[in-house]
Protein backbone atom coordinates (compact mmCIF):
# COMPACT_ATOMS: atom_id res chain seq x y z
CA UNK A 1 145.22 192.61 -30.05
CA UNK A 2 143.72 193.05 -26.65
CA UNK A 3 142.22 196.68 -26.30
CA UNK A 4 143.79 198.78 -23.63
CA UNK A 5 141.75 202.03 -23.85
CA UNK A 6 138.09 203.09 -24.16
CA UNK A 7 137.63 205.72 -26.93
CA UNK A 8 135.25 208.57 -26.48
CA UNK A 9 134.32 211.47 -28.66
CA UNK A 10 134.43 214.64 -26.85
CA UNK A 11 132.81 217.80 -28.55
CA UNK A 12 135.72 219.86 -27.09
CA UNK A 13 138.93 217.78 -27.59
CA UNK A 14 137.85 215.28 -30.23
CA UNK A 15 138.55 211.68 -29.48
CA UNK A 16 139.82 211.12 -26.17
CA UNK A 17 140.68 207.82 -24.47
CA UNK A 18 140.12 206.22 -20.88
CA UNK A 19 142.45 203.37 -19.97
CA UNK A 20 141.05 200.18 -18.99
CA UNK A 21 141.73 199.07 -15.43
CA UNK A 22 140.98 201.34 -12.16
CA UNK A 23 140.29 204.50 -14.21
CA UNK A 24 137.57 202.65 -16.47
CA UNK A 25 136.04 200.95 -13.42
CA UNK A 26 135.82 204.34 -11.48
CA UNK A 27 134.03 205.98 -14.54
CA UNK A 28 131.69 203.02 -14.76
CA UNK A 29 130.95 203.29 -10.95
CA UNK A 30 127.49 204.54 -10.01
CA UNK A 31 128.99 207.57 -7.80
CA UNK A 32 130.73 208.78 -11.01
CA UNK A 33 127.89 208.03 -13.49
CA UNK A 34 125.56 210.15 -11.15
CA UNK A 35 127.60 213.35 -12.41
CA UNK A 36 125.83 212.80 -15.88
CA UNK A 37 122.83 214.32 -14.11
CA UNK A 38 124.42 217.43 -12.69
CA UNK A 39 124.82 220.47 -14.74
CA UNK A 40 128.39 222.01 -14.76
CA UNK A 41 127.27 225.62 -14.71
CA UNK A 42 123.82 225.25 -12.80
CA UNK A 43 121.27 227.55 -14.28
CA UNK A 44 123.52 229.25 -16.82
CA UNK A 45 121.36 227.78 -19.47
CA UNK A 46 118.80 230.41 -18.67
CA UNK A 47 121.10 232.90 -20.38
CA UNK A 48 123.17 230.81 -22.68
CA UNK A 49 120.59 228.05 -23.99
CA UNK A 50 123.61 225.88 -24.83
CA UNK A 51 125.07 225.46 -21.45
CA UNK A 52 123.64 221.97 -20.49
CA UNK A 53 126.92 220.26 -20.25
CA UNK A 54 127.44 218.23 -16.95
CA UNK A 55 130.12 217.45 -14.43
CA UNK A 56 130.60 214.12 -16.21
CA UNK A 57 132.02 215.97 -19.31
CA UNK A 58 134.12 218.23 -17.29
CA UNK A 59 135.68 215.33 -15.25
CA UNK A 60 136.47 213.27 -18.47
CA UNK A 61 137.92 216.52 -20.10
CA UNK A 62 140.00 217.30 -16.98
CA UNK A 63 141.39 213.75 -17.17
CA UNK A 64 142.32 214.13 -20.93
CA UNK A 65 144.18 217.17 -20.12
CA UNK A 66 145.99 215.63 -17.06
CA UNK A 67 147.00 212.72 -19.40
CA UNK A 68 148.40 215.43 -21.82
CA UNK A 69 150.20 217.17 -19.02
CA UNK A 70 151.89 214.08 -17.61
CA UNK A 71 153.04 212.96 -21.16
CA UNK A 72 154.55 216.40 -21.81
CA UNK A 73 156.36 216.54 -18.42
CA UNK A 74 157.71 213.03 -19.09
CA UNK A 75 158.97 213.90 -22.48
CA UNK A 76 161.06 216.71 -20.59
CA UNK A 77 162.63 214.30 -18.46
CA UNK A 78 160.29 214.70 -15.38
CA UNK A 79 160.22 211.40 -13.37
CA UNK A 80 156.81 210.24 -13.05
CA UNK A 81 156.35 206.68 -12.77
CA UNK A 82 153.26 204.58 -13.93
CA UNK A 83 151.88 204.31 -10.38
CA UNK A 84 152.11 208.10 -9.76
CA UNK A 85 150.70 209.01 -13.22
CA UNK A 86 147.61 206.79 -12.64
CA UNK A 87 147.11 208.14 -9.13
CA UNK A 88 147.24 211.60 -10.58
CA UNK A 89 144.61 210.89 -13.23
CA UNK A 90 142.27 209.28 -10.56
CA UNK A 91 142.69 212.33 -8.35
CA UNK A 92 141.51 214.86 -11.32
CA UNK A 93 138.95 212.28 -12.53
CA UNK A 94 137.17 212.41 -8.82
CA UNK A 95 137.82 215.84 -7.82
CA UNK A 96 134.42 217.04 -8.56
CA UNK A 97 132.58 213.78 -7.53
CA UNK A 98 131.21 215.34 -4.29
CA UNK A 99 129.11 218.08 -6.17
CA UNK A 100 125.56 218.33 -5.33
CA UNK A 101 122.63 219.32 -7.49
CA UNK A 102 123.20 222.27 -9.75
CA UNK A 103 126.85 222.29 -8.74
CA UNK A 104 127.85 225.30 -6.47
CA UNK A 105 124.29 226.63 -6.28
CA UNK A 106 123.13 224.63 -3.44
CA UNK A 107 126.23 224.21 -1.60
CA UNK A 108 125.58 224.89 1.91
CA UNK A 109 122.04 225.44 1.22
CA UNK A 110 120.69 222.06 0.95
CA UNK A 111 123.40 220.52 2.96
CA UNK A 112 126.22 222.40 5.14
CA UNK A 113 129.27 220.75 3.53
CA UNK A 114 131.65 221.71 0.98
CA UNK A 115 132.00 219.76 -2.28
CA UNK A 116 135.87 219.30 -1.95
CA UNK A 117 135.20 217.53 1.59
CA UNK A 118 132.59 215.37 0.17
CA UNK A 119 134.87 214.53 -2.93
CA UNK A 120 137.46 213.35 -0.35
CA UNK A 121 135.10 211.16 1.52
CA UNK A 122 133.73 209.63 -1.63
CA UNK A 123 137.34 208.83 -2.70
CA UNK A 124 138.04 207.17 0.89
CA UNK A 125 134.81 205.19 0.35
CA UNK A 126 136.00 203.93 -3.24
CA UNK A 127 139.23 203.40 -1.76
CA UNK A 128 137.83 200.82 0.23
CA UNK A 129 135.78 199.23 -2.34
CA UNK A 130 138.80 198.94 -4.55
CA UNK A 131 140.98 197.59 -1.82
CA UNK A 132 143.58 200.26 -1.49
CA UNK A 133 143.97 201.14 -5.21
CA UNK A 134 143.14 205.07 -4.58
CA UNK A 135 145.56 205.65 -1.62
CA UNK A 136 148.28 207.44 -3.50
CA UNK A 137 145.63 209.35 -5.35
CA UNK A 138 144.16 210.69 -2.15
CA UNK A 139 147.66 211.62 -0.90
CA UNK A 140 148.16 213.56 -4.02
CA UNK A 141 144.76 215.12 -3.78
CA UNK A 142 145.28 216.25 -0.26
CA UNK A 143 148.68 217.67 -1.21
CA UNK A 144 150.61 215.22 1.25
CA UNK A 145 152.65 213.45 -1.43
CA UNK A 146 156.33 214.42 -1.90
CA UNK A 147 155.89 215.32 -5.65
CA UNK A 148 154.04 218.53 -4.78
CA UNK A 149 153.56 219.38 -8.50
CA UNK A 150 151.31 216.61 -9.11
CA UNK A 151 148.92 218.28 -6.73
CA UNK A 152 149.31 221.42 -8.34
CA UNK A 153 148.18 219.92 -11.68
CA UNK A 154 144.89 219.10 -9.72
CA UNK A 155 144.39 222.30 -7.70
CA UNK A 156 146.25 225.44 -8.14
CA UNK A 157 145.92 228.68 -10.33
CA UNK A 158 146.86 226.71 -13.48
CA UNK A 159 145.52 223.36 -13.02
CA UNK A 160 143.79 221.08 -15.31
CA UNK A 161 140.36 221.55 -13.55
CA UNK A 162 140.40 225.23 -14.48
CA UNK A 163 141.90 224.70 -17.91
CA UNK A 164 139.03 222.20 -18.94
CA UNK A 165 136.18 224.38 -17.26
CA UNK A 166 137.07 227.37 -18.99
CA UNK A 167 137.62 225.88 -22.38
CA UNK A 168 134.34 223.51 -22.05
CA UNK A 169 132.22 226.49 -20.58
CA UNK A 170 133.31 228.74 -23.35
CA UNK A 171 132.40 226.12 -25.87
CA UNK A 172 128.85 225.34 -24.57
CA UNK A 173 127.90 228.95 -23.79
CA UNK A 174 129.48 230.39 -27.12
CA UNK A 175 131.38 233.07 -25.21
CA UNK A 176 134.50 233.29 -27.26
CA UNK A 177 136.32 235.29 -24.71
CA UNK A 178 136.72 232.27 -22.58
CA UNK A 179 138.71 230.25 -25.07
CA UNK A 180 142.26 229.53 -23.94
CA UNK A 181 145.44 228.22 -25.38
CA UNK A 182 145.34 225.07 -23.10
CA UNK A 183 147.50 222.92 -25.60
CA UNK A 184 150.38 225.48 -25.65
CA UNK A 185 150.12 226.15 -21.74
CA UNK A 186 150.42 222.43 -21.21
CA UNK A 187 153.37 222.09 -23.55
CA UNK A 188 155.11 225.16 -21.56
CA UNK A 189 154.72 223.16 -18.20
CA UNK A 190 157.72 222.11 -16.50
CA UNK A 191 159.09 221.29 -12.95
CA UNK A 192 161.80 223.19 -11.03
CA UNK A 193 162.76 222.22 -7.32
CA UNK A 194 159.69 219.95 -7.24
CA UNK A 195 157.31 222.56 -8.17
CA UNK A 196 155.13 223.17 -11.33
CA UNK A 197 156.57 226.06 -13.37
CA UNK A 198 155.71 227.49 -16.77
CA UNK A 199 158.52 228.14 -19.17
CA UNK A 200 159.10 231.81 -19.93
CA UNK A 201 157.90 231.60 -23.50
CA UNK A 202 154.53 230.54 -22.20
CA UNK A 203 153.99 233.78 -20.29
CA UNK A 204 151.71 235.40 -22.93
CA UNK A 205 149.44 232.34 -22.96
CA UNK A 206 149.21 232.34 -19.17
CA UNK A 207 148.18 235.96 -19.49
CA UNK A 208 145.47 235.07 -21.75
CA UNK A 209 144.31 232.34 -19.66
CA UNK A 210 143.88 234.60 -16.48
CA UNK A 211 142.17 237.23 -18.78
CA UNK A 212 139.75 234.79 -19.93
CA UNK A 213 138.94 233.49 -16.36
CA UNK A 214 138.19 236.95 -15.25
CA UNK A 215 135.94 237.61 -18.14
CA UNK A 216 134.20 234.22 -17.95
CA UNK A 217 133.19 234.96 -14.14
CA UNK A 218 131.48 238.41 -14.84
CA UNK A 219 130.08 237.54 -18.37
CA UNK A 220 128.98 233.86 -17.62
CA UNK A 221 129.26 232.64 -13.99
CA UNK A 222 128.01 235.89 -12.42
CA UNK A 223 125.84 237.07 -14.92
CA UNK A 224 123.07 238.97 -13.36
CA UNK A 225 120.25 236.76 -14.79
CA UNK A 226 122.27 233.66 -13.69
CA UNK A 227 122.90 235.04 -10.11
CA UNK A 228 119.14 235.82 -10.18
CA UNK A 229 117.85 232.42 -11.08
CA UNK A 230 120.44 230.89 -8.61
CA UNK A 231 119.21 232.97 -5.80
CA UNK A 232 115.57 232.08 -6.44
CA UNK A 233 116.29 228.33 -6.61
CA UNK A 234 117.93 228.87 -2.91
CA UNK A 235 114.72 230.66 -1.96
CA UNK A 236 112.31 227.75 -3.40
CA UNK A 237 114.31 225.24 -1.18
CA UNK A 238 114.46 227.39 1.70
CA UNK A 239 110.84 227.92 1.56
CA UNK A 240 110.14 223.95 1.28
CA UNK A 241 112.48 223.42 4.32
CA UNK A 242 110.47 226.01 6.29
CA UNK A 243 107.13 224.13 5.36
CA UNK A 244 108.68 220.78 6.40
CA UNK A 245 109.67 222.17 9.79
CA UNK A 246 106.06 223.46 10.22
CA UNK A 247 104.71 219.93 9.49
CA UNK A 248 103.06 220.99 6.20
CA UNK A 249 103.27 218.40 3.47
CA UNK A 250 105.76 219.18 0.49
CA UNK A 251 105.79 216.58 -2.02
CA UNK A 252 109.14 215.79 -3.26
CA UNK A 253 111.33 212.75 -4.54
CA UNK A 254 112.26 210.51 -1.44
CA UNK A 255 116.07 211.38 -2.24
CA UNK A 256 115.11 215.22 -1.87
CA UNK A 257 112.77 214.73 1.07
CA UNK A 258 115.35 213.15 3.22
CA UNK A 259 117.69 216.38 3.03
CA UNK A 260 114.74 218.74 3.25
CA UNK A 261 113.54 217.10 6.55
CA UNK A 262 116.95 216.68 7.94
CA UNK A 263 119.83 219.13 8.34
CA UNK A 264 122.78 217.56 7.30
CA UNK A 265 126.20 218.91 8.15
CA UNK A 266 129.82 218.05 7.19
CA UNK A 267 130.27 216.61 10.64
CA UNK A 268 127.34 214.25 10.16
CA UNK A 269 128.85 212.92 6.76
CA UNK A 270 132.13 212.32 8.60
CA UNK A 271 130.35 210.53 11.33
CA UNK A 272 127.75 208.50 9.15
CA UNK A 273 129.96 208.49 5.93
CA UNK A 274 128.67 205.37 4.15
CA UNK A 275 124.92 205.95 5.07
CA UNK A 276 124.97 209.60 4.01
CA UNK A 277 127.14 209.34 0.97
CA UNK A 278 124.71 206.76 -0.41
CA UNK A 279 121.74 209.16 0.02
CA UNK A 280 123.68 212.10 -1.24
CA UNK A 281 124.90 209.97 -4.27
CA UNK A 282 121.18 209.20 -5.22
CA UNK A 283 120.38 213.09 -5.45
CA UNK A 284 120.98 214.97 -8.63
CA UNK A 285 119.35 217.91 -10.69
CA UNK A 286 116.48 215.72 -11.86
CA UNK A 287 115.15 215.39 -8.22
CA UNK A 288 115.05 219.16 -7.69
CA UNK A 289 113.66 219.93 -11.11
CA UNK A 290 110.80 217.54 -10.45
CA UNK A 291 109.99 218.84 -7.10
CA UNK A 292 110.21 222.62 -8.25
CA UNK A 293 107.88 221.72 -11.17
CA UNK A 294 105.24 219.98 -8.72
CA UNK A 295 105.43 222.84 -6.35
CA UNK A 296 104.11 225.31 -8.85
CA UNK A 297 100.77 223.92 -7.51
CA UNK A 298 101.45 223.85 -3.78
CA UNK A 299 98.94 225.51 -1.48
CA UNK A 300 101.57 227.56 0.01
CA UNK A 301 101.44 230.77 -2.03
CA UNK A 302 105.15 231.80 -1.49
CA UNK A 303 106.48 228.30 -2.66
CA UNK A 304 103.96 228.27 -5.69
CA UNK A 305 105.11 231.81 -6.56
CA UNK A 306 108.89 231.23 -6.61
CA UNK A 307 108.43 227.75 -8.34
CA UNK A 308 106.28 229.01 -11.09
CA UNK A 309 108.67 231.84 -11.65
CA UNK A 310 111.88 229.66 -11.83
CA UNK A 311 110.03 226.93 -14.15
CA UNK A 312 108.85 229.41 -16.32
CA UNK A 313 111.73 232.03 -16.34
CA UNK A 314 109.84 234.88 -14.65
CA UNK A 315 113.03 235.74 -12.73
CA UNK A 316 113.72 238.35 -10.12
CA UNK A 317 115.18 241.68 -11.10
CA UNK A 318 118.95 241.99 -10.04
CA UNK A 319 120.75 244.92 -9.41
CA UNK A 320 124.79 245.08 -9.08
CA UNK A 321 126.69 247.81 -7.34
CA UNK A 322 130.36 248.48 -6.41
CA UNK A 323 129.22 249.49 -3.06
CA UNK A 324 126.70 247.89 -0.34
CA UNK A 325 123.11 249.13 -0.94
CA UNK A 326 121.72 251.61 1.86
CA UNK A 327 119.34 250.33 4.54
CA UNK A 328 116.94 253.11 3.50
CA UNK A 329 116.87 251.46 -0.08
CA UNK A 330 116.46 247.99 1.34
CA UNK A 331 113.64 249.24 3.57
CA UNK A 332 111.85 250.80 0.54
CA UNK A 333 111.94 247.63 -1.36
CA UNK A 334 110.82 245.40 1.75
CA UNK A 335 107.79 247.78 2.19
CA UNK A 336 106.77 247.81 -1.58
CA UNK A 337 106.96 244.10 -1.48
CA UNK A 338 104.74 243.87 1.62
CA UNK A 339 102.05 246.02 0.17
CA UNK A 340 102.02 245.02 -3.35
CA UNK A 341 98.59 243.43 -4.15
CA UNK A 342 99.76 241.17 -6.90
CA UNK A 343 102.34 239.45 -4.52
CA UNK A 344 101.56 236.96 -1.94
CA UNK A 345 101.72 237.77 1.94
CA UNK A 346 105.15 237.43 3.16
CA UNK A 347 106.59 238.60 -0.05
CA UNK A 348 108.86 240.94 2.04
CA UNK A 349 111.30 238.15 2.43
CA UNK A 350 111.77 237.85 -1.40
CA UNK A 351 114.40 240.65 -1.20
CA UNK A 352 117.90 238.96 -1.48
CA UNK A 353 120.86 240.88 -0.41
CA UNK A 354 124.35 239.53 -1.15
CA UNK A 355 127.79 239.91 -2.77
CA UNK A 356 129.83 238.07 -5.34
CA UNK A 357 133.55 238.27 -5.62
CA UNK A 358 136.02 237.10 -8.21
CA UNK A 359 139.91 237.21 -7.90
CA UNK A 360 141.60 236.74 -11.24
CA UNK A 361 144.82 236.09 -9.67
CA UNK A 362 146.34 235.72 -6.13
CA UNK A 363 149.75 236.14 -4.90
CA UNK A 364 149.03 234.88 -1.55
CA UNK A 365 149.14 231.08 -2.04
CA UNK A 366 150.78 228.98 -4.75
CA UNK A 367 151.60 231.66 -7.26
CA UNK A 368 152.15 230.66 -10.79
CA UNK A 369 155.98 230.27 -11.15
CA UNK A 370 158.01 231.26 -14.50
CA UNK A 371 161.16 229.31 -15.35
CA UNK A 372 163.29 231.91 -17.16
CA UNK A 373 165.73 231.01 -19.84
CA UNK A 374 168.69 231.42 -17.55
CA UNK A 375 167.18 228.65 -15.16
CA UNK A 376 165.87 231.35 -12.68
CA UNK A 377 162.40 230.74 -11.12
CA UNK A 378 160.33 233.81 -10.32
CA UNK A 379 156.65 234.64 -9.67
CA UNK A 380 154.42 235.48 -12.48
CA UNK A 381 153.75 238.86 -10.77
CA UNK A 382 157.30 239.90 -10.86
CA UNK A 383 157.91 239.16 -14.66
CA UNK A 384 154.63 239.88 -16.34
CA UNK A 385 153.96 243.40 -17.84
CA UNK A 386 150.42 242.50 -18.06
CA UNK A 387 149.51 244.42 -14.91
CA UNK A 388 148.20 241.52 -12.70
CA UNK A 389 145.93 242.73 -10.07
CA UNK A 390 146.12 240.46 -7.20
CA UNK A 391 143.09 241.51 -5.43
CA UNK A 392 139.38 240.41 -5.22
CA UNK A 393 136.72 242.19 -7.10
CA UNK A 394 133.44 242.40 -5.32
CA UNK A 395 130.12 243.35 -6.47
CA UNK A 396 127.15 243.94 -4.07
CA UNK A 397 123.78 242.85 -5.36
CA UNK A 398 119.83 243.08 -4.47
CA UNK A 399 117.44 240.97 -6.20
CA UNK A 400 113.51 241.01 -5.81
CA UNK A 401 110.39 240.35 -8.02
CA UNK A 402 110.19 242.46 -11.06
CA UNK A 403 106.55 243.32 -10.29
CA UNK A 404 107.87 246.17 -8.03
CA UNK A 405 110.37 247.62 -10.28
CA UNK A 406 108.62 250.78 -11.47
CA UNK A 407 107.39 251.61 -7.95
CA UNK A 408 111.07 251.19 -6.68
CA UNK A 409 112.29 253.25 -9.43
CA UNK A 410 109.96 256.10 -8.66
CA UNK A 411 110.63 256.18 -4.99
CA UNK A 412 114.30 255.47 -4.99
CA UNK A 413 116.24 257.17 -2.32
CA UNK A 414 120.17 257.03 -2.06
CA UNK A 415 120.97 253.33 -3.35
CA UNK A 416 124.09 252.88 -1.94
CA UNK A 417 125.67 253.84 1.55
CA UNK A 418 127.61 252.47 4.46
CA UNK A 419 125.84 249.81 6.37
């Protein structure tokens, strides 16, 4: 008997399968294989050592969940033909193919382009290579296909992307609070008036999903040490680019040197799509890691200091606050950095000021809809007694070298104020 599927052993779900044909061919393509070398959660392994899984793992996991969701909907009588099912699976498989090194960390740093825009460009390029077989997948990905619920399975507040990354990131970090009842939620999915809904008896599972997502953001993705490491990586590349602009030699792999010596925008990708996609597809975490490792010995003291700290986990101190930090406090830190004898000249630029936000749930766009037992469809926020908070939670942060921590603490003025 001829084999129809490739079987893989996934650490989260057990045995999963990839159908032979266009889906298997896409997985085998160099553009997709590149995702093996891009970590799913960037530098989170600095806090959770097991968090070394990749975008490749995640994409295959999301494909597995999409397969389950489509099968579940079809069993409930929802009409999804073979062509639509395959297209939805292609769209979820390729939804993250535009990610650059260290995932979100270097987005709009190394290149000024969003990963979703690049994913679409990759899909369009692959569509040409595979003679139009991705046309429907692209329509679904863009939300321009008549069966909108297929798009919602790919991108929405209860999509297969979020379902997999919460489950997978929880597994590899060991943070049990992120575990979700993905299998029950998938079984509770349905379609009403062409849109994705959750049957009423699945409300509590959805509430658990939203709680887990919020906890994972503050405990994992926005953990202060993770944020510190990611901000340091951005500083490293910023300094390397400054040296390039000054004509100072900075060794790096050719794949990285191209993007350090050229400022590439989303507009450039659209105008020179094939050329730039090939250059971008050759770039992954290993290029950045090799460069930062080498830069520890660079003659520029700022680049060497930052690179040594990142490689050897000598990370910056990071302070979170519910209010913006005062100008006075920022001035104190900069002056302390400028005058500290153990820091290189120019270290006042090592003060990083920013903010991180997380919205557990939104009522503004594509709210999760609940199908009541009487057939009525109502928004999740109207039926849940969970106390959904449809607002964004923001934390402000400062980050700077730990060498000055004691001096800053001794001379601390009012930390927060109105800027």
